[in-house]
Amino acid sequence: MIIDIKGAEASITSTASNFSGARLIKINATAAATVVTLTTAADAAIGTTTLLAGTHLIAKSPTDKIACAPTINGTPVGFAN
């Protein structure tokens, strides 16, 4: 799998962000349990999941936002050939 970097790595905090409309976010979770929340553009919850420590890919719609606790880093990415 080849990952195409689409933007700068940024902190994902409890304040939801749409990562400049990215459809795929690479998350590097360092804590043993990180709760990630996906919301609509209007901040209505779509769902949550708990990530274990490691690298994860989260797909979302361009207007959806992502938030988490504790704070972790995420990068907007895509897949390349």
PDB file of N, CA and C in Angstrom:
ATOM      1  N   MET A   1       0.852  -1.178   0.000  1.00  0.00           N
ATOM      2  CA  MET A   1       0.000   0.000   0.000  1.00  0.00           C
ATOM      3  C   MET A   1       0.895   1.237   0.000  1.00  0.00           C
ATOM      4  N   ILE A   2       0.611   2.153  -0.902  1.00  0.00           N
ATOM      5  CA  ILE A   2       1.348   3.411  -0.985  1.00  0.00           C
ATOM      6  C   ILE A   2       0.415   4.521  -0.536  1.00  0.00           C
ATOM      7  N   ILE A   3       0.879   5.306   0.450  1.00  0.00           N
ATOM      8  CA  ILE A   3       0.066   6.397   0.983  1.00  0.00           C
ATOM      9  C   ILE A   3       0.521   7.709   0.369  1.00  0.00           C
ATOM     10  N   ASP A   4      -0.428   8.463  -0.162  1.00  0.00           N
ATOM     11  CA  ASP A   4      -0.196   9.760  -0.771  1.00  0.00           C
ATOM     12  C   ASP A   4      -0.533  10.834   0.262  1.00  0.00           C
ATOM     13  N   ILE A   5       0.462  11.585   0.724  1.00  0.00           N
ATOM     14  CA  ILE A   5       0.233  12.621   1.729  1.00  0.00           C
ATOM     15  C   ILE A   5      -0.455  13.811   1.072  1.00  0.00           C
ATOM     16  N   LYS A   6      -1.587  14.237   1.645  1.00  0.00           N
ATOM     17  CA  LYS A   6      -2.399  15.312   1.078  1.00  0.00           C
ATOM     18  C   LYS A   6      -2.296  16.630   1.845  1.00  0.00           C
ATOM     19  N   GLY A   7      -1.622  16.614   3.007  1.00  0.00           N
ATOM     20  CA  GLY A   7      -1.523  17.826   3.812  1.00  0.00           C
ATOM     21  C   GLY A   7      -0.626  17.602   5.007  1.00  0.00           C
ATOM     22  N   ALA A   8      -0.501  18.623   5.811  1.00  0.00           N
ATOM     23  CA  ALA A   8       0.369  18.574   6.982  1.00  0.00           C
ATOM     24  C   ALA A   8      -0.271  17.803   8.136  1.00  0.00           C
ATOM     25  N   GLU A   9       0.558  17.139   8.919  1.00  0.00           N
ATOM     26  CA  GLU A   9       0.085  16.484  10.134  1.00  0.00           C
ATOM     27  C   GLU A   9      -0.389  17.558  11.104  1.00  0.00           C
ATOM     28  N   ALA A  10      -1.483  17.286  11.788  1.00  0.00           N
ATOM     29  CA  ALA A  10      -2.051  18.241  12.742  1.00  0.00           C
ATOM     30  C   ALA A  10      -2.628  17.492  13.934  1.00  0.00           C
ATOM     31  N   SER A  11      -2.782  18.200  15.030  1.00  0.00           N
ATOM     32  CA  SER A  11      -3.374  17.614  16.227  1.00  0.00           C
ATOM     33  C   SER A  11      -4.869  17.410  16.021  1.00  0.00           C
ATOM     34  N   ILE A  12      -5.360  16.266  16.476  1.00  0.00           N
ATOM     35  CA  ILE A  12      -6.797  16.006  16.523  1.00  0.00           C
ATOM     36  C   ILE A  12      -7.180  16.130  17.990  1.00  0.00           C
ATOM     37  N   THR A  13      -8.023  17.091  18.302  1.00  0.00           N
ATOM     38  CA  THR A  13      -8.395  17.368  19.686  1.00  0.00           C
ATOM     39  C   THR A  13      -9.893  17.119  19.886  1.00  0.00           C
ATOM     40  N   SER A  14     -10.404  17.544  21.023  1.00  0.00           N
ATOM     41  CA  SER A  14     -11.832  17.400  21.292  1.00  0.00           C
ATOM     42  C   SER A  14     -12.663  18.389  20.482  1.00  0.00           C
ATOM     43  N   THR A  15     -12.025  19.377  19.831  1.00  0.00           N
ATOM     44  CA  THR A  15     -12.710  20.285  18.921  1.00  0.00           C
ATOM     45  C   THR A  15     -12.649  19.676  17.528  1.00  0.00           C
ATOM     46  N   ALA A  16     -13.791  19.310  16.968  1.00  0.00           N
ATOM     47  CA  ALA A  16     -13.851  18.584  15.700  1.00  0.00           C
ATOM     48  C   ALA A  16     -13.339  19.414  14.529  1.00  0.00           C
ATOM     49  N   SER A  17     -12.628  18.751  13.610  1.00  0.00           N
ATOM     50  CA  SER A  17     -12.080  19.380  12.412  1.00  0.00           C
ATOM     51  C   SER A  17     -12.379  18.508  11.196  1.00  0.00           C
ATOM     52  N   ASN A  18     -12.581  19.127  10.037  1.00  0.00           N
ATOM     53  CA  ASN A  18     -12.818  18.333   8.831  1.00  0.00           C
ATOM     54  C   ASN A  18     -11.531  18.077   8.040  1.00  0.00           C
ATOM     55  N   PHE A  19     -10.389  18.496   8.570  1.00  0.00           N
ATOM     56  CA  PHE A  19      -9.088  18.282   7.930  1.00  0.00           C
ATOM     57  C   PHE A  19      -9.089  18.746   6.482  1.00  0.00           C
ATOM     58  N   SER A  20      -9.565  19.969   6.276  1.00  0.00           N
ATOM     59  CA  SER A  20      -9.594  20.595   4.947  1.00  0.00           C
ATOM     60  C   SER A  20     -10.314  19.750   3.903  1.00  0.00           C
ATOM     61  N   GLY A  21     -11.346  19.048   4.329  1.00  0.00           N
ATOM     62  CA  GLY A  21     -12.154  18.259   3.404  1.00  0.00           C
ATOM     63  C   GLY A  21     -11.552  16.921   3.009  1.00  0.00           C
ATOM     64  N   ALA A  22     -10.552  16.460   3.730  1.00  0.00           N
ATOM     65  CA  ALA A  22      -9.926  15.169   3.413  1.00  0.00           C
ATOM     66  C   ALA A  22     -10.921  14.030   3.587  1.00  0.00           C
ATOM     67  N   ARG A  23     -10.806  13.020   2.730  1.00  0.00           N
ATOM     68  CA  ARG A  23     -11.674  11.844   2.800  1.00  0.00           C
ATOM     69  C   ARG A  23     -11.055  10.710   3.610  1.00  0.00           C
ATOM     70  N   LEU A  24      -9.726  10.768   3.806  1.00  0.00           N
ATOM     71  CA  LEU A  24      -9.020   9.693   4.511  1.00  0.00           C
ATOM     72  C   LEU A  24      -7.992  10.329   5.438  1.00  0.00           C
ATOM     73  N   ILE A  25      -8.010   9.926   6.713  1.00  0.00           N
ATOM     74  CA  ILE A  25      -7.096  10.467   7.717  1.00  0.00           C
ATOM     75  C   ILE A  25      -6.257   9.321   8.285  1.00  0.00           C
ATOM     76  N   LYS A  26      -4.930   9.494   8.264  1.00  0.00           N
ATOM     77  CA  LYS A  26      -4.028   8.533   8.907  1.00  0.00           C
ATOM     78  C   LYS A  26      -3.800   9.019  10.326  1.00  0.00           C
ATOM     79  N   ILE A  27      -4.123   8.167  11.283  1.00  0.00           N
ATOM     80  CA  ILE A  27      -4.003   8.515  12.693  1.00  0.00           C
ATOM     81  C   ILE A  27      -2.914   7.666  13.321  1.00  0.00           C
ATOM     82  N   ASN A  28      -2.055   8.332  14.095  1.00  0.00           N
ATOM     83  CA  ASN A  28      -1.044   7.616  14.860  1.00  0.00           C
ATOM     84  C   ASN A  28      -1.406   7.753  16.332  1.00  0.00           C
ATOM     85  N   ALA A  29      -2.072   6.736  16.862  1.00  0.00           N
ATOM     86  CA  ALA A  29      -2.512   6.753  18.259  1.00  0.00           C
ATOM     87  C   ALA A  29      -1.384   6.228  19.138  1.00  0.00           C
ATOM     88  N   THR A  30      -0.979   7.018  20.112  1.00  0.00           N
ATOM     89  CA  THR A  30       0.093   6.599  21.018  1.00  0.00           C
ATOM     90  C   THR A  30      -0.449   6.088  22.351  1.00  0.00           C
ATOM     91  N   ALA A  31      -1.653   6.497  22.715  1.00  0.00           N
ATOM     92  CA  ALA A  31      -2.260   6.041  23.966  1.00  0.00           C
ATOM     93  C   ALA A  31      -2.842   4.641  23.780  1.00  0.00           C
ATOM     94  N   ALA A  32      -2.985   3.928  24.862  1.00  0.00           N
ATOM     95  CA  ALA A  32      -3.530   2.567  24.806  1.00  0.00           C
ATOM     96  C   ALA A  32      -4.976   2.546  24.330  1.00  0.00           C
ATOM     97  N   ALA A  33      -5.730   3.585  24.627  1.00  0.00           N
ATOM     98  CA  ALA A  33      -7.135   3.654  24.193  1.00  0.00           C
ATOM     99  C   ALA A  33      -7.475   5.095  23.858  1.00  0.00           C
ATOM    100  N   THR A  34      -7.745   5.348  22.589  1.00  0.00           N
ATOM    101  CA  THR A  34      -8.100   6.682  22.117  1.00  0.00           C
ATOM    102  C   THR A  34      -9.500   6.608  21.518  1.00  0.00           C
ATOM    103  N   VAL A  35     -10.417   7.427  22.020  1.00  0.00           N
ATOM    104  CA  VAL A  35     -11.780   7.450  21.504  1.00  0.00           C
ATOM    105  C   VAL A  35     -11.869   8.496  20.400  1.00  0.00           C
ATOM    106  N   VAL A  36     -12.246   8.060  19.197  1.00  0.00           N
ATOM    107  CA  VAL A  36     -12.395   8.938  18.040  1.00  0.00           C
ATOM    108  C   VAL A  36     -13.881   9.100  17.758  1.00  0.00           C
ATOM    109  N   THR A  37     -14.304  10.339  17.547  1.00  0.00           N
ATOM    110  CA  THR A  37     -15.694  10.654  17.244  1.00  0.00           C
ATOM    111  C   THR A  37     -15.779  11.269  15.861  1.00  0.00           C
ATOM    112  N   LEU A  38     -16.714  10.787  15.060  1.00  0.00           N
ATOM    113  CA  LEU A  38     -16.981  11.337  13.734  1.00  0.00           C
ATOM    114  C   LEU A  38     -18.306  12.081  13.809  1.00  0.00           C
ATOM    115  N   THR A  39     -18.322  13.332  13.319  1.00  0.00           N
ATOM    116  CA  THR A  39     -19.535  14.146  13.351  1.00  0.00           C
ATOM    117  C   THR A  39     -19.841  14.691  11.957  1.00  0.00           C
ATOM    118  N   THR A  40     -21.061  15.150  11.777  1.00  0.00           N
ATOM    119  CA  THR A  40     -21.442  15.842  10.544  1.00  0.00           C
ATOM    120  C   THR A  40     -20.891  17.263  10.594  1.00  0.00           C
ATOM    121  N   ALA A  41     -21.060  17.996   9.499  1.00  0.00           N
ATOM    122  CA  ALA A  41     -20.636  19.398   9.458  1.00  0.00           C
ATOM    123  C   ALA A  41     -21.370  20.225  10.518  1.00  0.00           C
ATOM    124  N   ALA A  42     -22.574  19.786  10.889  1.00  0.00           N
ATOM    125  CA  ALA A  42     -23.371  20.488  11.903  1.00  0.00           C
ATOM    126  C   ALA A  42     -23.088  19.980  13.318  1.00  0.00           C
ATOM    127  N   ASP A  43     -22.036  19.191  13.477  1.00  0.00           N
ATOM    128  CA  ASP A  43     -21.602  18.643  14.769  1.00  0.00           C
ATOM    129  C   ASP A  43     -22.551  17.614  15.375  1.00  0.00           C
ATOM    130  N   ALA A  44     -23.377  16.979  14.558  1.00  0.00           N
ATOM    131  CA  ALA A  44     -24.210  15.869  15.029  1.00  0.00           C
ATOM    132  C   ALA A  44     -23.360  14.601  14.975  1.00  0.00           C
ATOM    133  N   ALA A  45     -23.339  13.848  16.059  1.00  0.00           N
ATOM    134  CA  ALA A  45     -22.511  12.640  16.129  1.00  0.00           C
ATOM    135  C   ALA A  45     -22.963  11.597  15.111  1.00  0.00           C
ATOM    136  N   ILE A  46     -21.996  11.052  14.380  1.00  0.00           N
ATOM    137  CA  ILE A  46     -22.242   9.938  13.469  1.00  0.00           C
ATOM    138  C   ILE A  46     -21.905   8.638  14.189  1.00  0.00           C
ATOM    139  N   GLY A  47     -20.793   8.646  14.912  1.00  0.00           N
ATOM    140  CA  GLY A  47     -20.391   7.454  15.652  1.00  0.00           C
ATOM    141  C   GLY A  47     -19.042   7.642  16.329  1.00  0.00           C
ATOM    142  N   THR A  48     -18.699   6.682  17.172  1.00  0.00           N
ATOM    143  CA  THR A  48     -17.417   6.701  17.873  1.00  0.00           C
ATOM    144  C   THR A  48     -16.776   5.322  17.785  1.00  0.00           C
ATOM    145  N   THR A  49     -15.461   5.305  17.968  1.00  0.00           N
ATOM    146  CA  THR A  49     -14.736   4.045  18.037  1.00  0.00           C
ATOM    147  C   THR A  49     -13.520   4.245  18.928  1.00  0.00           C
ATOM    148  N   THR A  50     -13.073   3.182  19.551  1.00  0.00           N
ATOM    149  CA  THR A  50     -11.871   3.223  20.375  1.00  0.00           C
ATOM    150  C   THR A  50     -10.735   2.588  19.606  1.00  0.00           C
ATOM    151  N   LEU A  51      -9.632   3.335  19.468  1.00  0.00           N
ATOM    152  CA  LEU A  51      -8.457   2.841  18.772  1.00  0.00           C
ATOM    153  C   LEU A  51      -7.383   2.449  19.777  1.00  0.00           C
ATOM    154  N   LEU A  52      -6.762   1.324  19.549  1.00  0.00           N
ATOM    155  CA  LEU A  52      -5.606   0.936  20.344  1.00  0.00           C
ATOM    156  C   LEU A  52      -4.385   1.667  19.800  1.00  0.00           C
ATOM    157  N   ALA A  53      -3.278   1.644  20.528  1.00  0.00           N
ATOM    158  CA  ALA A  53      -2.060   2.301  20.066  1.00  0.00           C
ATOM    159  C   ALA A  53      -1.650   1.726  18.718  1.00  0.00           C
ATOM    160  N   GLY A  54      -1.232   2.594  17.796  1.00  0.00           N
ATOM    161  CA  GLY A  54      -0.805   2.169  16.476  1.00  0.00           C
ATOM    162  C   GLY A  54      -1.295   3.123  15.406  1.00  0.00           C
ATOM    163  N   THR A  55      -1.075   2.738  14.153  1.00  0.00           N
ATOM    164  CA  THR A  55      -1.481   3.554  13.012  1.00  0.00           C
ATOM    165  C   THR A  55      -2.796   3.043  12.448  1.00  0.00           C
ATOM    166  N   HIS A  56      -3.719   3.964  12.202  1.00  0.00           N
ATOM    167  CA  HIS A  56      -5.055   3.617  11.726  1.00  0.00           C
ATOM    168  C   HIS A  56      -5.452   4.556  10.596  1.00  0.00           C
ATOM    169  N   LEU A  57      -6.312   4.099   9.702  1.00  0.00           N
ATOM    170  CA  LEU A  57      -6.875   4.932   8.643  1.00  0.00           C
ATOM    171  C   LEU A  57      -8.373   5.069   8.881  1.00  0.00           C
ATOM    172  N   ILE A  58      -8.870   6.309   8.872  1.00  0.00           N
ATOM    173  CA  ILE A  58     -10.285   6.591   9.069  1.00  0.00           C
ATOM    174  C   ILE A  58     -10.820   7.258   7.799  1.00  0.00           C
ATOM    175  N   ALA A  59     -11.833   6.656   7.187  1.00  0.00           N
ATOM    176  CA  ALA A  59     -12.485   7.236   6.015  1.00  0.00           C
ATOM    177  C   ALA A  59     -13.670   8.077   6.471  1.00  0.00           C
ATOM    178  N   LYS A  60     -13.908   9.194   5.758  1.00  0.00           N
ATOM    179  CA  LYS A  60     -15.018  10.076   6.094  1.00  0.00           C
ATOM    180  C   LYS A  60     -15.445  10.851   4.860  1.00  0.00           C
ATOM    181  N   SER A  61     -16.599  11.474   4.919  1.00  0.00           N
ATOM    182  CA  SER A  61     -17.034  12.376   3.855  1.00  0.00           C
ATOM    183  C   SER A  61     -16.268  13.689   3.996  1.00  0.00           C
ATOM    184  N   PRO A  62     -16.091  14.444   2.918  1.00  0.00           N
ATOM    185  CA  PRO A  62     -15.311  15.682   2.991  1.00  0.00           C
ATOM    186  C   PRO A  62     -15.799  16.693   4.035  1.00  0.00           C
ATOM    187  N   THR A  63     -17.101  16.741   4.279  1.00  0.00           N
ATOM    188  CA  THR A  63     -17.619  17.712   5.244  1.00  0.00           C
ATOM    189  C   THR A  63     -17.690  17.170   6.667  1.00  0.00           C
ATOM    190  N   ASP A  64     -17.537  15.856   6.845  1.00  0.00           N
ATOM    191  CA  ASP A  64     -17.547  15.273   8.188  1.00  0.00           C
ATOM    192  C   ASP A  64     -16.326  15.732   8.969  1.00  0.00           C
ATOM    193  N   LYS A  65     -16.481  15.779  10.288  1.00  0.00           N
ATOM    194  CA  LYS A  65     -15.407  16.217  11.175  1.00  0.00           C
ATOM    195  C   LYS A  65     -14.965  15.060  12.065  1.00  0.00           C
ATOM    196  N   ILE A  66     -13.734  15.144  12.542  1.00  0.00           N
ATOM    197  CA  ILE A  66     -13.193  14.115  13.418  1.00  0.00           C
ATOM    198  C   ILE A  66     -12.633  14.788  14.665  1.00  0.00           C
ATOM    199  N   ALA A  67     -12.869  14.163  15.815  1.00  0.00           N
ATOM    200  CA  ALA A  67     -12.370  14.668  17.090  1.00  0.00           C
ATOM    201  C   ALA A  67     -11.943  13.471  17.925  1.00  0.00           C
ATOM    202  N   CYS A  68     -11.118  13.704  18.939  1.00  0.00           N
ATOM    203  CA  CYS A  68     -10.729  12.584  19.793  1.00  0.00           C
ATOM    204  C   CYS A  68     -10.243  13.053  21.150  1.00  0.00           C
ATOM    205  N   ALA A  69     -10.160  12.105  22.062  1.00  0.00           N
ATOM    206  CA  ALA A  69      -9.605  12.321  23.391  1.00  0.00           C
ATOM    207  C   ALA A  69      -8.896  11.037  23.788  1.00  0.00           C
ATOM    208  N   PRO A  70      -7.647  11.086  24.196  1.00  0.00           N
ATOM    209  CA  PRO A  70      -6.789  12.265  24.297  1.00  0.00           C
ATOM    210  C   PRO A  70      -6.351  12.760  22.919  1.00  0.00           C
ATOM    211  N   THR A  71      -5.689  13.930  22.888  1.00  0.00           N
ATOM    212  CA  THR A  71      -5.221  14.508  21.635  1.00  0.00           C
ATOM    213  C   THR A  71      -4.193  13.588  20.970  1.00  0.00           C
ATOM    214  N   ILE A  72      -4.354  13.409  19.660  1.00  0.00           N
ATOM    215  CA  ILE A  72      -3.408  12.615  18.868  1.00  0.00           C
ATOM    216  C   ILE A  72      -3.138  13.378  17.566  1.00  0.00           C
ATOM    217  N   ASN A  73      -2.256  12.856  16.728  1.00  0.00           N
ATOM    218  CA  ASN A  73      -1.956  13.510  15.455  1.00  0.00           C
ATOM    219  C   ASN A  73      -2.601  12.762  14.304  1.00  0.00           C
ATOM    220  N   GLY A  74      -2.995  13.514  13.290  1.00  0.00           N
ATOM    221  CA  GLY A  74      -3.576  12.937  12.095  1.00  0.00           C
ATOM    222  C   GLY A  74      -3.054  13.643  10.857  1.00  0.00           C
ATOM    223  N   THR A  75      -3.044  12.926   9.741  1.00  0.00           N
ATOM    224  CA  THR A  75      -2.579  13.475   8.470  1.00  0.00           C
ATOM    225  C   THR A  75      -3.599  13.143   7.395  1.00  0.00           C
ATOM    226  N   PRO A  76      -4.012  14.130   6.591  1.00  0.00           N
ATOM    227  CA  PRO A  76      -4.889  13.818   5.459  1.00  0.00           C
ATOM    228  C   PRO A  76      -4.081  13.065   4.403  1.00  0.00           C
ATOM    229  N   VAL A  77      -4.601  11.908   3.981  1.00  0.00           N
ATOM    230  CA  VAL A  77      -3.883  11.063   3.031  1.00  0.00           C
ATOM    231  C   VAL A  77      -4.844  10.505   1.983  1.00  0.00           C
ATOM    232  N   GLY A  78      -4.265   9.855   0.995  1.00  0.00           N
ATOM    233  CA  GLY A  78      -5.004   9.118  -0.012  1.00  0.00           C
ATOM    234  C   GLY A  78      -4.163   7.912  -0.384  1.00  0.00           C
ATOM    235  N   PHE A  79      -4.664   7.079  -1.260  1.00  0.00           N
ATOM    236  CA  PHE A  79      -3.910   5.928  -1.739  1.00  0.00           C
ATOM    237  C   PHE A  79      -3.351   6.242  -3.116  1.00  0.00           C
ATOM    238  N   ALA A  80      -2.122   5.842  -3.360  1.00  0.00           N
ATOM    239  CA  ALA A  80      -1.476   6.069  -4.652  1.00  0.00           C
ATOM    240  C   ALA A  80      -1.172   4.719  -5.296  1.00  0.00           C
ATOM    241  N   ASN A  81      -0.988   4.725  -6.605  1.00  0.00           N
ATOM    242  CA  ASN A  81      -0.632   3.500  -7.334  1.00  0.00           C
ATOM    243  C   ASN A  81       0.862   3.290  -7.333  1.00  0.00           C
TER     244      ASN A  81
END
